[in-house]
PDB file of N, CA and C in Angstrom:
ATOM      1  N   MET A   1       0.908  -1.378   0.370  1.00  0.00           N
ATOM      2  CA  MET A   1      -0.007   0.389   0.284  1.00  0.00           C
ATOM      3  C   MET A   1       0.838   1.139   0.006  1.00  0.00           C
ATOM      4  N   PHE A   2       1.743   1.155   0.711  1.00  0.00           N
ATOM      5  CA  PHE A   2       2.726   2.181   0.883  1.00  0.00           C
ATOM      6  C   PHE A   2       3.728   2.240  -0.105  1.00  0.00           C
ATOM      7  N   ASN A   3       4.108   3.215  -0.921  1.00  0.00           N
ATOM      8  CA  ASN A   3       5.039   3.594  -2.336  1.00  0.00           C
ATOM      9  C   ASN A   3       6.162   4.012  -1.934  1.00  0.00           C
ATOM     10  N   LYS A   4       6.826   3.807  -2.170  1.00  0.00           N
ATOM     11  CA  LYS A   4       8.506   4.747  -1.937  1.00  0.00           C
ATOM     12  C   LYS A   4       8.178   5.799  -2.094  1.00  0.00           C
ATOM     13  N   THR A   5       7.375   6.973  -2.684  1.00  0.00           N
ATOM     14  CA  THR A   5       7.155   8.205  -3.176  1.00  0.00           C
ATOM     15  C   THR A   5       6.581   8.416  -1.666  1.00  0.00           C
ATOM     16  N   SER A   6       5.854   7.732  -0.902  1.00  0.00           N
ATOM     17  CA  SER A   6       5.541   7.809   0.817  1.00  0.00           C
ATOM     18  C   SER A   6       6.654   7.980   1.631  1.00  0.00           C
ATOM     19  N   SER A   7       7.520   6.719   1.251  1.00  0.00           N
ATOM     20  CA  SER A   7       8.309   7.164   2.219  1.00  0.00           C
ATOM     21  C   SER A   7       9.799   8.375   1.978  1.00  0.00           C
ATOM     22  N   GLU A   8       9.880   8.529   0.968  1.00  0.00           N
ATOM     23  CA  GLU A   8      10.425   9.632   0.604  1.00  0.00           C
ATOM     24  C   GLU A   8       9.527  10.946   1.306  1.00  0.00           C
ATOM     25  N   ARG A   9       8.549  11.038   0.887  1.00  0.00           N
ATOM     26  CA  ARG A   9       7.654  12.140   1.457  1.00  0.00           C
ATOM     27  C   ARG A   9       8.010  12.853   2.574  1.00  0.00           C
ATOM     28  N   LEU A  10       7.566  11.106   3.546  1.00  0.00           N
ATOM     29  CA  LEU A  10       7.730  11.225   5.373  1.00  0.00           C
ATOM     30  C   LEU A  10       8.987  10.647   5.528  1.00  0.00           C
ATOM     31  N   PRO A  11      10.314  10.490   5.560  1.00  0.00           N
ATOM     32  CA  PRO A  11      11.022   9.882   6.186  1.00  0.00           C
ATOM     33  C   PRO A  11      10.902   9.137   6.989  1.00  0.00           C
ATOM     34  N   LEU A  12       9.955   9.370   8.076  1.00  0.00           N
ATOM     35  CA  LEU A  12       9.685   9.157   9.770  1.00  0.00           C
ATOM     36  C   LEU A  12       7.952   8.190   9.586  1.00  0.00           C
ATOM     37  N   LEU A  13       7.630   8.124   8.562  1.00  0.00           N
ATOM     38  CA  LEU A  13       6.759   7.126   8.631  1.00  0.00           C
ATOM     39  C   LEU A  13       7.423   6.190   7.766  1.00  0.00           C
ATOM     40  N   SER A  14       8.464   6.265   7.010  1.00  0.00           N
ATOM     41  CA  SER A  14       9.194   5.319   6.276  1.00  0.00           C
ATOM     42  C   SER A  14       9.314   4.280   7.400  1.00  0.00           C
ATOM     43  N   GLU A  15       9.515   3.871   8.586  1.00  0.00           N
ATOM     44  CA  GLU A  15      10.175   3.174   9.491  1.00  0.00           C
ATOM     45  C   GLU A  15       8.297   2.304   9.521  1.00  0.00           C
ATOM     46  N   GLU A  16       7.244   3.464   9.957  1.00  0.00           N
ATOM     47  CA  GLU A  16       6.115   2.647   9.805  1.00  0.00           C
ATOM     48  C   GLU A  16       5.662   2.195   8.491  1.00  0.00           C
ATOM     49  N   SER A  17       5.580   2.816   7.605  1.00  0.00           N
ATOM     50  CA  SER A  17       5.497   1.450   6.801  1.00  0.00           C
ATOM     51  C   SER A  17       6.091   0.207   6.690  1.00  0.00           C
ATOM     52  N   ASN A  18       7.493   0.427   7.304  1.00  0.00           N
ATOM     53  CA  ASN A  18       7.966  -0.810   6.841  1.00  0.00           C
ATOM     54  C   ASN A  18       7.436  -1.844   7.669  1.00  0.00           C
ATOM     55  N   SER A  19       6.407  -1.514   8.967  1.00  0.00           N
ATOM     56  CA  SER A  19       5.964  -2.424   9.348  1.00  0.00           C
ATOM     57  C   SER A  19       4.846  -2.623   8.930  1.00  0.00           C
ATOM     58  N   TYR A  20       4.158  -1.958   8.570  1.00  0.00           N
ATOM     59  CA  TYR A  20       3.064  -2.168   7.826  1.00  0.00           C
ATOM     60  C   TYR A  20       3.468  -3.344   6.607  1.00  0.00           C
ATOM     61  N   ALA A  21       4.297  -3.428   5.255  1.00  0.00           N
ATOM     62  CA  ALA A  21       5.047  -3.955   4.985  1.00  0.00           C
ATOM     63  C   ALA A  21       5.150  -5.079   4.844  1.00  0.00           C
ATOM     64  N   THR A  22       5.997  -5.570   6.272  1.00  0.00           N
ATOM     65  CA  THR A  22       6.267  -6.951   6.861  1.00  0.00           C
ATOM     66  C   THR A  22       5.054  -7.450   6.912  1.00  0.00           C
ATOM     67  N   ALA A  23       4.105  -6.421   7.754  1.00  0.00           N
ATOM     68  CA  ALA A  23       2.620  -7.577   8.323  1.00  0.00           C
ATOM     69  C   ALA A  23       1.209  -7.972   7.166  1.00  0.00           C
ATOM     70  N   GLU A  24       1.902  -7.499   6.358  1.00  0.00           N
ATOM     71  CA  GLU A  24       0.880  -7.581   5.045  1.00  0.00           C
ATOM     72  C   GLU A  24       1.535  -8.875   4.473  1.00  0.00           C
ATOM     73  N   ARG A  25       2.967  -8.651   4.778  1.00  0.00           N
ATOM     74  CA  ARG A  25       3.359  -9.737   3.639  1.00  0.00           C
ATOM     75  C   ARG A  25       3.495 -10.876   4.310  1.00  0.00           C
TER      76      ARG A  25
END
């Protein structure tokens, strides 16, 4: 759901997005 663009826009969210990606996978 989270694209690299999101992580680039919000580096802080990058960590949270990583958690989501791991949970989704």
